[in-house]
Amino acid sequence: MASFPALWSQSEARPRLSGLARLVLVAACLIASATSARAQATPEARPLRIAIAGLVHGHVRGHMNAMVKRTDVELVGVYDPDAGLREKFGATHRIDAAKLFADLDRLITTTKPEALVVYTNTFDHLAVIEIAARHGVHVMVEKPLAVSTAHARAIAAAAARGKIHVLVNYETTWYRSHRAIWRLMHEEKTGGRIRKIVAMDGHHGPKEIGTQPEFFDWLSDPVRNGGGALYDFGCYGANIATWLLDNQRPRRVTAVTQTNKPAIYARVDDEATIVLEYDGAQAIIQASWNWPDHRKDLEVYTESAAAWATGGNALRTKVRGQPIADAPVEDWPADEQTALDYLTAVVRGRLVPGGPTSLENNVIVSEILDAARESAKTGKAVTLK
């Protein structure tokens, strides 16, 4: 069975690339060659040296919980400008004070990480990546990549200058149900071409689920988050649609946003619906902080078949003329089962980034979200140039 990047690169329907996309791909190939050469000179048994940049994103706790169970990665440093957050994080996870830094440049020059995992607010992704690029350090950020198209393009330019990989981590990237949908649509070509994608992502609200104060503070800030639910959960559907449709850019983007709970989310939307128009296909993204519970579901419809994924492990399919059936799901290959697996394989040169984690995909995601924000503001569809 082909690996994730191989599946992505074998697509027969891949469109002509833009100048920016070609730049990203050429840079990725150059970086992969250099990384592979370094990996051959370095024993694979050596743990990957990782530093954490930022502590205001609540997902950093899950990252630490995953790291402590592994021997193939080593935490060499933690950066955050807030002394209180650094001290609290260090105490909670028993991190030596010598590994806690208030300055990212100093962390990198002192500890020499091979990769940064970034848990700042989204607005600060650009500044962190520019610093990492100056030092030639690879980066994985939590979704989404950027708060705007301008930031995304500046990130791509910095990555090319620094010859570094920039990856974007989405929980849904590692779903076994999504791997199965990819295989159905691209390997088995079940039911013909994709006609409609419906992505439903979100929960009942950051405040309602008890996010940490420092996390809620920027999630509810339209500058540092880019929006509310529109950016927090709209990015999932934009990412998946871009992946399943082989990095096509939609022709038009239309979005409607609402704030149903203004007492909590006074400055941002908590409800967003985005419609993406492609040649021969449509994607509908339902991003919400108003679902009754946590939700990450995906529906994909082809000319004569359908697939419904509920969460990471459950998948049902329907082919015209046949009954609905539970479909088998399989693990990703070993290097692609988790974000840390994937990051390690990319930095070590075993994989070239592709699919949902790739910079090319996520620059398009940034364009989509930027256009959706503009559409919601003006009440008009936005045509992507």
Protein backbone atom coordinates (compact mmCIF):
# COMPACT_ATOMS: atom_id res chain seq x y z
CA MET A 1 0.00 0.00 0.00
CA ALA A 2 1.31 3.46 -0.89
CA SER A 3 2.21 5.86 1.88
CA PHE A 4 0.41 9.16 2.53
CA PRO A 5 2.72 11.36 0.43
CA ALA A 6 2.80 8.76 -2.33
CA LEU A 7 -1.00 8.65 -2.46
CA TRP A 8 -1.09 12.42 -2.66
CA SER A 9 1.51 12.64 -5.41
CA GLN A 10 -0.05 9.90 -7.55
CA SER A 11 -3.29 11.78 -8.07
CA GLU A 12 -4.33 11.87 -11.73
CA ALA A 13 -6.48 14.96 -11.35
CA ARG A 14 -3.87 17.31 -10.00
CA PRO A 15 -4.30 20.79 -11.52
CA ARG A 16 -1.66 23.11 -12.95
CA LEU A 17 0.26 24.75 -10.13
CA SER A 18 0.46 28.47 -9.47
CA GLY A 19 3.80 30.25 -9.24
CA LEU A 20 3.61 30.21 -5.44
CA ALA A 21 2.76 26.50 -5.42
CA ARG A 22 5.70 25.73 -7.68
CA LEU A 23 7.95 27.73 -5.35
CA VAL A 24 6.72 25.73 -2.36
CA LEU A 25 7.21 22.39 -4.14
CA VAL A 26 10.68 23.21 -5.45
CA ALA A 27 11.73 24.38 -2.00
CA ALA A 28 10.31 21.20 -0.46
CA CYS A 29 12.32 19.03 -2.84
CA LEU A 30 15.54 20.94 -2.12
CA ILE A 31 14.88 20.75 1.61
CA ALA A 32 14.12 17.03 1.40
CA SER A 33 17.40 16.35 -0.41
CA ALA A 34 19.41 18.28 2.18
CA THR A 35 17.51 16.69 5.06
CA SER A 36 18.00 13.22 3.62
CA ALA A 37 21.74 13.79 3.31
CA ARG A 38 21.92 14.92 6.93
CA ALA A 39 19.84 11.94 8.03
CA GLN A 40 22.23 9.51 6.31
CA ALA A 41 25.09 10.99 8.30
CA THR A 42 23.20 10.74 11.58
CA PRO A 43 22.24 7.50 13.37
CA GLU A 44 18.48 6.97 13.21
CA ALA A 45 18.57 5.91 16.85
CA ARG A 46 19.33 9.47 17.94
CA PRO A 47 16.15 11.09 19.34
CA LEU A 48 14.74 14.03 17.39
CA ARG A 49 15.58 17.24 19.26
CA ILE A 50 12.34 19.22 19.63
CA ALA A 51 11.63 22.58 21.25
CA ILE A 52 8.24 24.03 22.13
CA ALA A 53 7.52 27.59 21.00
CA GLY A 54 4.57 29.10 22.86
CA LEU A 55 2.36 27.88 25.69
CA VAL A 56 -0.91 29.74 25.09
CA HIS A 57 -2.46 27.02 22.91
CA GLY A 58 -4.18 24.38 25.02
CA HIS A 59 -3.11 21.57 22.70
CA VAL A 60 0.44 21.86 24.03
CA ARG A 61 -0.58 19.70 26.97
CA GLY A 62 -1.58 16.85 24.68
CA HIS A 63 1.75 17.20 22.90
CA MET A 64 3.65 16.86 26.17
CA ASN A 65 1.58 13.86 27.20
CA ALA A 66 2.50 12.20 23.90
CA MET A 67 6.18 13.11 24.18
CA VAL A 68 6.75 11.60 27.61
CA LYS A 69 5.70 8.19 26.30
CA ARG A 70 8.33 8.19 23.54
CA THR A 71 12.06 7.54 23.36
CA ASP A 72 12.56 8.75 19.76
CA VAL A 73 12.04 12.45 20.58
CA GLU A 74 13.74 14.68 23.13
CA LEU A 75 12.44 17.97 24.51
CA VAL A 76 15.41 20.35 24.58
CA GLY A 77 13.69 23.63 25.41
CA VAL A 78 10.46 25.55 25.96
CA TYR A 79 9.86 29.16 24.93
CA ASP A 80 7.17 31.58 26.02
CA PRO A 81 7.47 35.28 26.85
CA ASP A 82 5.16 34.88 29.88
CA ALA A 83 7.21 33.92 32.95
CA GLY A 84 4.15 32.67 34.80
CA LEU A 85 3.20 30.28 31.99
CA ARG A 86 6.78 29.02 31.72
CA GLU A 87 7.04 28.34 35.44
CA LYS A 88 3.65 26.65 35.62
CA PHE A 89 4.37 24.46 32.58
CA GLY A 90 7.83 23.59 33.88
CA ALA A 91 6.46 22.59 37.28
CA THR A 92 3.56 20.56 35.84
CA HIS A 93 5.78 18.58 33.47
CA ARG A 94 8.95 18.53 35.63
CA ILE A 95 11.08 20.46 33.14
CA ASP A 96 14.43 21.76 34.33
CA ALA A 97 14.52 25.55 34.66
CA ALA A 98 17.55 25.64 32.35
CA LYS A 99 15.29 24.48 29.50
CA LEU A 100 12.81 27.35 29.94
CA PHE A 101 13.44 30.44 27.78
CA ALA A 102 11.93 33.91 27.44
CA ASP A 103 13.70 34.48 24.11
CA LEU A 104 13.22 32.19 21.10
CA ASP A 105 16.50 33.13 19.39
CA ARG A 106 18.37 32.27 22.56
CA LEU A 107 16.56 28.96 22.92
CA ILE A 108 17.55 27.95 19.39
CA THR A 109 21.19 28.99 19.67
CA THR A 110 21.53 27.39 23.11
CA THR A 111 19.69 24.09 22.66
CA LYS A 112 20.02 23.59 18.86
CA PRO A 113 16.66 21.91 18.19
CA GLU A 114 16.02 20.12 14.91
CA ALA A 115 12.37 21.17 14.95
CA LEU A 116 9.99 23.55 16.69
CA VAL A 117 6.43 22.62 17.59
CA VAL A 118 4.48 25.86 17.83
CA TYR A 119 1.69 26.59 20.32
CA THR A 120 1.40 30.37 20.07
CA ASN A 121 -1.71 32.20 18.91
CA THR A 122 -2.18 31.96 15.14
CA PHE A 123 -1.15 35.58 14.46
CA ASP A 124 2.29 34.88 15.94
CA HIS A 125 2.98 31.88 13.65
CA LEU A 126 4.63 34.18 11.11
CA ALA A 127 7.09 35.74 13.60
CA VAL A 128 8.06 32.34 15.03
CA ILE A 129 8.57 30.78 11.59
CA GLU A 130 10.69 33.71 10.42
CA ILE A 131 12.98 33.20 13.43
CA ALA A 132 13.11 29.44 12.84
CA ALA A 133 13.90 29.97 9.15
CA ARG A 134 16.85 32.21 10.00
CA HIS A 135 18.31 29.33 12.01
CA GLY A 136 17.34 26.57 9.54
CA VAL A 137 15.01 24.85 12.03
CA HIS A 138 11.97 22.95 10.75
CA VAL A 139 8.54 23.85 12.14
CA MET A 140 5.18 22.23 12.86
CA VAL A 141 2.37 24.59 13.88
CA GLU A 142 -1.08 23.81 15.19
CA LYS A 143 -3.85 24.52 12.71
CA PRO A 144 -4.54 26.81 10.95
CA LEU A 145 -1.36 28.04 9.30
CA ALA A 146 -2.10 31.76 9.37
CA VAL A 147 -4.63 34.51 10.06
CA SER A 148 -4.53 35.80 6.47
CA THR A 149 -3.32 35.10 2.95
CA ALA A 150 -0.62 37.74 3.40
CA HIS A 151 0.75 35.96 6.46
CA ALA A 152 0.59 32.57 4.69
CA ARG A 153 2.56 33.83 1.71
CA ALA A 154 5.13 35.46 3.98
CA ILE A 155 5.50 32.13 5.80
CA ALA A 156 6.03 30.32 2.48
CA ALA A 157 8.67 32.87 1.49
CA ALA A 158 10.47 32.51 4.83
CA ALA A 159 10.43 28.71 4.53
CA ALA A 160 11.95 28.91 1.06
CA ARG A 161 14.66 31.34 2.22
CA GLY A 162 15.55 29.20 5.22
CA LYS A 163 15.18 25.89 3.36
CA ILE A 164 12.97 24.56 6.14
CA HIS A 165 9.83 22.46 6.20
CA VAL A 166 6.71 24.10 7.62
CA LEU A 167 4.04 21.55 8.55
CA VAL A 168 0.53 22.13 9.89
CA ASN A 169 -0.99 19.73 12.40
CA TYR A 170 -4.72 18.94 12.28
CA GLU A 171 -6.22 16.27 14.50
CA THR A 172 -8.21 15.00 11.52
CA THR A 173 -5.07 14.33 9.45
CA TRP A 174 -4.42 11.19 11.48
CA TYR A 175 -7.97 9.81 11.36
CA ARG A 176 -8.12 6.25 10.05
CA SER A 177 -11.58 6.98 8.64
CA HIS A 178 -10.11 9.76 6.49
CA ARG A 179 -7.40 7.45 5.19
CA ALA A 180 -10.11 5.03 4.14
CA ILE A 181 -12.04 7.79 2.35
CA TRP A 182 -8.87 8.83 0.52
CA ARG A 183 -8.35 5.27 -0.68
CA LEU A 184 -11.95 4.94 -1.80
CA MET A 185 -11.81 8.16 -3.79
CA HIS A 186 -8.27 8.03 -5.17
CA GLU A 187 -7.11 4.41 -5.28
CA GLU A 188 -10.37 2.58 -5.87
CA LYS A 189 -12.09 5.57 -7.51
CA THR A 190 -15.41 4.45 -6.04
CA GLY A 191 -18.39 6.02 -7.77
CA GLY A 192 -16.49 8.34 -10.07
CA ARG A 193 -15.39 11.91 -9.37
CA ILE A 194 -16.16 13.77 -6.15
CA ARG A 195 -19.21 16.00 -6.42
CA LYS A 196 -19.82 17.17 -2.85
CA ILE A 197 -17.93 17.35 0.44
CA VAL A 198 -19.59 18.27 3.73
CA ALA A 199 -17.38 18.86 6.78
CA MET A 200 -18.91 19.39 10.23
CA ASP A 201 -16.44 20.47 12.91
CA GLY A 202 -16.55 22.11 16.31
CA HIS A 203 -17.96 21.79 19.80
CA HIS A 204 -20.22 23.75 22.15
CA GLY A 205 -17.76 26.60 22.64
CA PRO A 206 -14.25 27.26 24.01
CA LYS A 207 -15.61 28.86 27.17
CA GLU A 208 -18.18 26.13 27.63
CA ILE A 209 -15.66 23.27 27.38
CA GLY A 210 -13.33 24.97 29.86
CA THR A 211 -10.37 26.11 27.77
CA GLN A 212 -7.51 27.67 29.74
CA PRO A 213 -7.75 31.48 30.26
CA GLU A 214 -4.70 32.19 28.09
CA PHE A 215 -6.18 30.01 25.32
CA PHE A 216 -9.65 31.57 25.47
CA ASP A 217 -8.14 35.05 25.50
CA TRP A 218 -6.77 34.76 21.96
CA LEU A 219 -9.40 32.40 20.54
CA SER A 220 -11.96 35.15 21.17
CA ASP A 221 -9.74 37.83 19.61
CA PRO A 222 -10.41 38.48 15.89
CA VAL A 223 -6.82 39.65 15.30
CA ARG A 224 -4.88 36.85 16.99
CA ASN A 225 -7.29 34.08 15.89
CA GLY A 226 -8.37 35.52 12.54
CA GLY A 227 -12.03 35.12 13.50
CA GLY A 228 -13.97 32.87 15.82
CA ALA A 229 -15.40 29.49 14.84
CA LEU A 230 -14.79 30.50 11.20
CA TYR A 231 -11.02 30.12 11.68
CA ASP A 232 -10.93 27.73 14.63
CA PHE A 233 -13.01 25.06 12.91
CA GLY A 234 -13.53 26.27 9.33
CA CYS A 235 -9.90 25.40 8.68
CA TYR A 236 -10.60 21.67 9.06
CA GLY A 237 -13.08 21.51 6.20
CA ALA A 238 -10.98 23.78 3.99
CA ASN A 239 -7.95 21.59 4.63
CA ILE A 240 -9.77 18.33 3.90
CA ALA A 241 -11.53 19.63 0.78
CA THR A 242 -8.22 20.92 -0.59
CA TRP A 243 -6.63 17.53 0.10
CA LEU A 244 -9.41 15.42 -1.41
CA LEU A 245 -9.62 17.66 -4.48
CA ASP A 246 -5.87 17.49 -5.14
CA ASN A 247 -4.99 21.04 -4.11
CA GLN A 248 -7.50 22.71 -6.38
CA ARG A 249 -8.34 26.26 -5.41
CA PRO A 250 -12.10 26.94 -5.37
CA ARG A 251 -13.44 29.37 -7.95
CA ARG A 252 -15.67 31.17 -5.47
CA VAL A 253 -16.11 31.32 -1.71
CA THR A 254 -19.33 32.31 0.06
CA ALA A 255 -19.71 32.46 3.83
CA VAL A 256 -22.26 33.39 6.47
CA THR A 257 -21.24 33.94 10.09
CA GLN A 258 -23.27 34.65 13.24
CA THR A 259 -22.69 35.33 16.90
CA ASN A 260 -25.39 33.45 18.76
CA LYS A 261 -23.80 33.94 22.18
CA PRO A 262 -22.71 37.61 22.26
CA ALA A 263 -22.39 37.60 26.04
CA ILE A 264 -19.46 35.18 25.63
CA TYR A 265 -18.15 35.90 22.12
CA ALA A 266 -18.66 39.63 21.78
CA ARG A 267 -15.88 40.18 19.22
CA VAL A 268 -15.97 37.05 17.06
CA ASP A 269 -18.39 34.71 15.32
CA ASP A 270 -19.44 31.47 16.97
CA GLU A 271 -21.24 30.04 13.93
CA ALA A 272 -19.95 29.86 10.35
CA THR A 273 -20.99 28.17 7.12
CA ILE A 274 -18.70 28.29 4.08
CA VAL A 275 -19.57 27.17 0.56
CA LEU A 276 -16.71 26.46 -1.85
CA GLU A 277 -17.43 26.24 -5.57
CA TYR A 278 -15.14 24.14 -7.73
CA ASP A 279 -15.41 23.06 -11.34
CA GLY A 280 -17.89 20.18 -11.05
CA ALA A 281 -17.86 19.99 -7.26
CA GLN A 282 -18.91 21.81 -4.12
CA ALA A 283 -17.73 21.77 -0.50
CA ILE A 284 -19.85 22.87 2.44
CA ILE A 285 -18.03 23.63 5.69
CA GLN A 286 -20.06 23.86 8.88
CA ALA A 287 -17.88 25.32 11.65
CA SER A 288 -19.53 25.93 14.98
CA TRP A 289 -19.11 26.68 18.66
CA ASN A 290 -22.79 25.75 19.02
CA TRP A 291 -22.81 21.99 18.43
CA PRO A 292 -24.37 20.00 21.31
CA ASP A 293 -21.04 18.18 21.75
CA HIS A 294 -17.62 17.70 20.15
CA ARG A 295 -17.89 16.95 16.45
CA LYS A 296 -15.51 16.15 13.58
CA ASP A 297 -17.56 14.43 10.90
CA LEU A 298 -17.07 14.22 7.15
CA GLU A 299 -19.34 13.31 4.25
CA VAL A 300 -18.06 12.76 0.71
CA TYR A 301 -20.32 12.13 -2.28
CA THR A 302 -19.20 10.96 -5.69
CA GLU A 303 -21.27 10.50 -8.84
CA SER A 304 -22.70 7.18 -7.59
CA ALA A 305 -21.39 6.58 -4.06
CA ALA A 306 -21.16 8.14 -0.61
CA ALA A 307 -18.89 7.85 2.42
CA TRP A 308 -19.72 9.08 5.93
CA ALA A 309 -16.97 9.32 8.55
CA THR A 310 -17.93 9.98 12.15
CA GLY A 311 -14.81 10.75 14.11
CA GLY A 312 -11.54 8.98 13.56
CA ASN A 313 -12.54 5.33 13.38
CA ALA A 314 -16.08 4.93 12.06
CA LEU A 315 -16.92 4.88 8.35
CA ARG A 316 -20.06 3.91 6.45
CA THR A 317 -20.42 3.75 2.68
CA LYS A 318 -23.23 3.52 0.14
CA VAL A 319 -22.85 2.60 -3.52
CA ARG A 320 -25.79 3.09 -5.85
CA GLY A 321 -27.93 -0.04 -5.92
CA GLN A 322 -26.29 -1.53 -2.83
CA PRO A 323 -27.15 -1.31 0.89
CA ILE A 324 -25.34 0.95 3.34
CA ALA A 325 -22.33 -0.87 4.77
CA ASP A 326 -19.78 -0.39 7.53
CA ALA A 327 -16.42 0.05 5.84
CA PRO A 328 -13.08 -1.18 7.20
CA VAL A 329 -10.51 1.37 8.33
CA GLU A 330 -6.79 0.73 8.58
CA ASP A 331 -3.92 2.39 10.40
CA TRP A 332 -1.72 4.83 8.58
CA PRO A 333 1.85 3.59 7.98
CA ALA A 334 4.11 3.83 11.03
CA ASP A 335 5.62 7.19 10.01
CA GLU A 336 2.19 8.74 9.51
CA GLN A 337 0.07 7.68 12.49
CA THR A 338 0.60 10.78 14.65
CA ALA A 339 1.94 14.29 14.30
CA LEU A 340 5.18 13.35 16.09
CA ASP A 341 5.66 10.31 13.84
CA TYR A 342 5.20 12.46 10.77
CA LEU A 343 7.39 15.33 11.97
CA THR A 344 10.20 12.90 12.81
CA ALA A 345 9.99 11.17 9.44
CA VAL A 346 10.06 14.48 7.55
CA VAL A 347 13.00 15.92 9.48
CA ARG A 348 14.90 12.64 9.16
CA GLY A 349 14.30 12.69 5.40
CA ARG A 350 12.12 9.57 5.19
CA LEU A 351 9.09 11.50 3.94
CA VAL A 352 8.51 14.55 1.74
CA PRO A 353 5.55 16.60 3.07
CA GLY A 354 2.29 16.24 1.20
CA GLY A 355 -1.45 16.23 1.74
CA PRO A 356 -3.11 17.96 4.71
CA THR A 357 0.12 18.82 6.53
CA SER A 358 1.80 20.46 3.56
CA LEU A 359 2.56 24.13 3.13
CA GLU A 360 1.05 24.12 -0.35
CA ASN A 361 -2.29 22.86 0.96
CA ASN A 362 -2.33 25.29 3.84
CA VAL A 363 -1.55 28.39 1.80
CA ILE A 364 -4.75 27.51 -0.11
CA VAL A 365 -6.58 27.02 3.20
CA SER A 366 -5.50 30.51 4.21
CA GLU A 367 -6.85 31.91 0.94
CA ILE A 368 -10.17 30.17 1.56
CA LEU A 369 -10.53 31.43 5.13
CA ASP A 370 -9.51 34.95 4.14
CA ALA A 371 -12.11 34.94 1.35
CA ALA A 372 -14.74 33.49 3.70
CA ARG A 373 -14.12 36.26 6.21
CA GLU A 374 -14.48 38.86 3.45
CA SER A 375 -17.65 37.21 2.12
CA ALA A 376 -19.26 37.17 5.57
CA LYS A 377 -18.36 40.82 6.05
CA THR A 378 -19.67 42.04 2.68
CA GLY A 379 -22.52 39.60 2.11
CA LYS A 380 -21.09 38.76 -1.33
CA ALA A 381 -19.35 35.77 -2.85
CA VAL A 382 -15.58 36.22 -3.28
CA THR A 383 -13.90 35.04 -6.47
CA LEU A 384 -10.35 33.79 -5.94
CA LYS A 385 -7.91 35.37 -8.36
